[in-house]
Protein backbone atom coordinates (compact mmCIF):
# COMPACT_ATOMS: atom_id res chain seq x y z
CA MET A 1 15.46 -15.95 0.81
CA GLY A 2 15.20 -13.55 -2.13
CA ASP A 3 17.11 -10.41 -2.93
CA LEU A 4 15.78 -6.95 -3.64
CA THR A 5 17.81 -5.82 -6.63
CA LYS A 6 18.02 -2.89 -8.98
CA THR A 7 19.14 -3.08 -12.58
CA ASN A 8 20.93 -0.38 -14.56
CA VAL A 9 18.93 -0.02 -17.79
CA GLU A 10 22.00 1.06 -19.78
CA ASP A 11 24.27 -1.92 -19.08
CA SER A 12 21.85 -4.42 -17.42
CA VAL A 13 24.11 -4.70 -14.36
CA LYS A 14 22.17 -5.90 -11.31
CA THR A 15 22.95 -4.61 -7.83
CA VAL A 16 21.66 -6.43 -4.76
CA LEU A 17 20.28 -3.89 -2.28
CA PHE A 18 19.65 -6.52 0.42
CA SER A 19 18.15 -9.94 1.07
CA VAL A 20 14.53 -9.64 2.13
CA GLY A 21 12.67 -12.87 1.43
CA LYS A 22 9.53 -12.03 -0.49
CA PRO A 23 8.92 -8.26 -0.41
CA HIS A 24 5.29 -7.15 -0.47
CA CYS A 25 3.58 -3.81 -1.27
CA LEU A 26 6.51 -2.33 -3.25
CA ASN A 27 6.37 1.39 -4.05
CA ILE A 28 9.22 3.56 -5.39
CA VAL A 29 8.91 7.27 -4.65
CA GLY A 30 11.47 10.10 -4.54
CA GLY A 31 14.64 8.01 -4.22
CA TRP A 32 13.08 5.57 -1.73
CA ILE A 33 11.76 2.03 -2.06
CA TYR A 34 8.89 1.35 0.33
CA TYR A 35 8.16 -2.32 0.98
CA SER A 36 6.75 -4.74 3.51
CA LYS A 37 8.36 -7.94 4.71
CA ASN A 38 7.10 -10.74 6.89
CA GLU A 39 8.36 -10.70 10.47
CA ASP A 40 6.89 -13.11 13.00
CA ASP A 41 3.88 -13.75 10.72
CA THR A 42 3.00 -10.06 10.31
CA TRP A 43 3.90 -7.67 7.46
CA LYS A 44 6.06 -4.75 8.65
CA THR A 45 6.73 -1.75 6.41
CA TYR A 46 10.23 -0.43 5.65
CA ARG A 47 11.89 2.01 3.33
CA ILE A 48 15.36 1.91 1.82
CA ARG A 49 17.11 4.36 -0.47
CA THR A 50 17.40 3.23 -4.08
CA ASP A 51 21.20 3.02 -3.55
CA GLY A 52 20.67 0.42 -0.80
CA THR A 53 21.40 2.68 2.19
CA GLU A 54 19.22 3.74 5.13
CA ASN A 55 17.04 0.65 5.46
CA THR A 56 14.53 1.79 8.11
CA LYS A 57 11.41 0.26 9.64
CA MET A 58 8.47 2.61 9.05
CA ALA A 59 5.82 0.87 11.12
CA ASP A 60 5.80 -1.81 13.78
CA PHE A 61 2.25 -2.93 13.05
CA GLN A 62 0.58 -5.11 10.40
CA ILE A 63 0.18 -3.39 7.02
CA SER A 64 -1.42 -5.43 4.27
CA SER A 65 -1.84 -3.06 1.31
CA THR A 66 -0.26 0.31 0.41
CA SER A 67 -0.53 3.07 -2.16
CA ILE A 68 1.63 6.22 -2.19
CA VAL A 69 0.26 9.48 -3.61
CA ASN A 70 0.95 13.17 -2.93
CA ASP A 71 3.59 12.57 -0.21
CA LYS A 72 1.27 10.25 1.76
CA ILE A 73 1.31 6.50 2.30
CA TYR A 74 -2.24 5.15 2.32
CA TYR A 75 -2.46 1.73 3.87
CA ILE A 76 -4.63 -0.93 5.41
CA CYS A 77 -3.69 -1.71 8.98
CA GLY A 78 -4.71 -5.19 10.01
CA ASP A 79 -5.22 -8.69 8.74
CA GLU A 80 -5.12 -9.18 4.96
CA ILE A 81 -7.77 -11.92 4.97
CA LEU A 82 -10.23 -10.36 7.40
CA GLY A 83 -9.55 -6.82 6.24
CA SER A 84 -9.16 -3.75 8.37
CA GLN A 85 -9.20 0.05 8.49
CA ILE A 86 -7.70 2.51 5.99
CA TYR A 87 -5.06 4.92 7.33
CA SER A 88 -2.51 7.39 6.00
CA MET A 89 0.93 8.49 7.18
CA ASP A 90 3.63 10.81 5.98
CA LEU A 91 6.49 9.38 3.91
CA ASP A 92 8.75 9.38 7.00
CA GLY A 93 6.29 7.21 8.97
CA THR A 94 4.86 9.99 11.14
CA ASN A 95 1.33 11.43 11.42
CA ASN A 96 -0.67 8.19 11.26
CA GLU A 97 -4.34 9.00 10.71
CA ARG A 98 -7.41 6.81 10.23
CA ILE A 99 -9.25 7.91 7.07
CA ALA A 100 -12.72 6.89 8.24
CA ASP A 101 -14.41 4.75 10.88
CA GLY A 102 -16.42 1.65 10.05
CA ILE A 103 -14.70 0.76 6.79
CA THR A 104 -13.28 -2.71 6.32
CA ALA A 105 -10.92 -3.05 3.38
CA VAL A 106 -8.77 -5.79 1.89
CA ARG A 107 -6.93 -3.91 -0.92
CA ILE A 108 -6.51 -0.23 -1.79
CA ASN A 109 -5.37 1.92 -4.69
CA VAL A 110 -5.21 5.72 -4.61
CA VAL A 111 -5.83 7.82 -7.72
CA GLY A 112 -5.84 11.59 -7.30
CA ASP A 113 -8.06 12.46 -4.33
CA TRP A 114 -9.84 9.09 -4.26
CA ILE A 115 -9.05 5.88 -2.43
CA TYR A 116 -10.50 2.86 -4.23
CA PHE A 117 -10.80 -0.14 -1.97
CA THR A 118 -12.26 -3.60 -1.92
CA ASN A 119 -13.80 -5.65 0.79
CA THR A 120 -14.73 -9.25 0.04
CA SER A 121 -17.62 -8.43 -2.31
CA ALA A 122 -17.44 -4.95 -3.84
CA ILE A 123 -15.32 -1.96 -4.87
CA TYR A 124 -15.84 1.36 -3.07
CA LYS A 125 -14.29 4.80 -3.19
CA ILE A 126 -13.78 7.46 -0.53
CA LYS A 127 -11.96 10.81 -0.54
CA THR A 128 -8.36 10.70 0.71
CA GLY A 129 -9.21 13.08 3.53
CA GLY A 130 -12.28 11.08 4.54
CA THR A 131 -15.71 12.68 4.35
CA GLU A 132 -18.06 14.09 6.94
CA GLY A 133 -21.43 12.51 7.49
CA LYS A 134 -22.91 9.08 7.89
CA ASP A 135 -22.33 7.64 4.41
CA ARG A 136 -18.71 8.37 3.56
CA ARG A 137 -18.11 5.77 0.90
CA GLU A 138 -19.60 5.14 -2.52
CA ARG A 139 -20.06 1.63 -3.91
CA ILE A 140 -18.95 1.54 -7.53
CA ALA A 141 -19.06 -2.19 -8.36
CA GLY A 142 -20.08 -5.54 -6.95
CA GLY A 143 -19.92 -9.20 -7.83
CA LYS A 144 -17.05 -10.64 -9.88
CA ILE A 145 -14.42 -8.15 -10.98
CA LYS A 146 -12.02 -8.68 -13.88
CA VAL A 147 -9.35 -6.13 -14.88
CA GLN A 148 -7.87 -6.28 -18.38
CA LYS A 149 -5.13 -3.81 -19.19
CA THR A 150 -7.17 -0.59 -19.65
CA ARG A 151 -10.72 -1.62 -18.88
CA ARG A 152 -12.68 -3.02 -15.97
CA GLN A 153 -15.43 -5.57 -16.24
CA TYR A 154 -18.05 -6.11 -13.56
């Protein structure tokens, strides 16, 4: 079992917020730490204040990848290996919405108004609000992908 800790940068004093095992999908936004932990072989998403109070379950379903931008949590709901659909919800866990139908994703990252996501063989992007029409996503890379600090190689 591991601890989720915070460290004061001025005096290097560590404070244990709570014991969580191995937290997954960590995001820190507006005084909250959003994280997932394994419960009964599925990843459930929680949030806790940075002072260690108000530890609350955000979702009672499998979430395998998250990115928080513009007061929204963008996430993949489903199995991490097989991939699943991209959704969004408000920072308090309400207003769950599927971004688009027919998209299978394994990992996501949100930058501005774009969701970048991978399936097992390529990188795609789609607008955060989804897009009307048949072809909603744009393939931007395929094959082997290597990221080095500030550049991408395909």
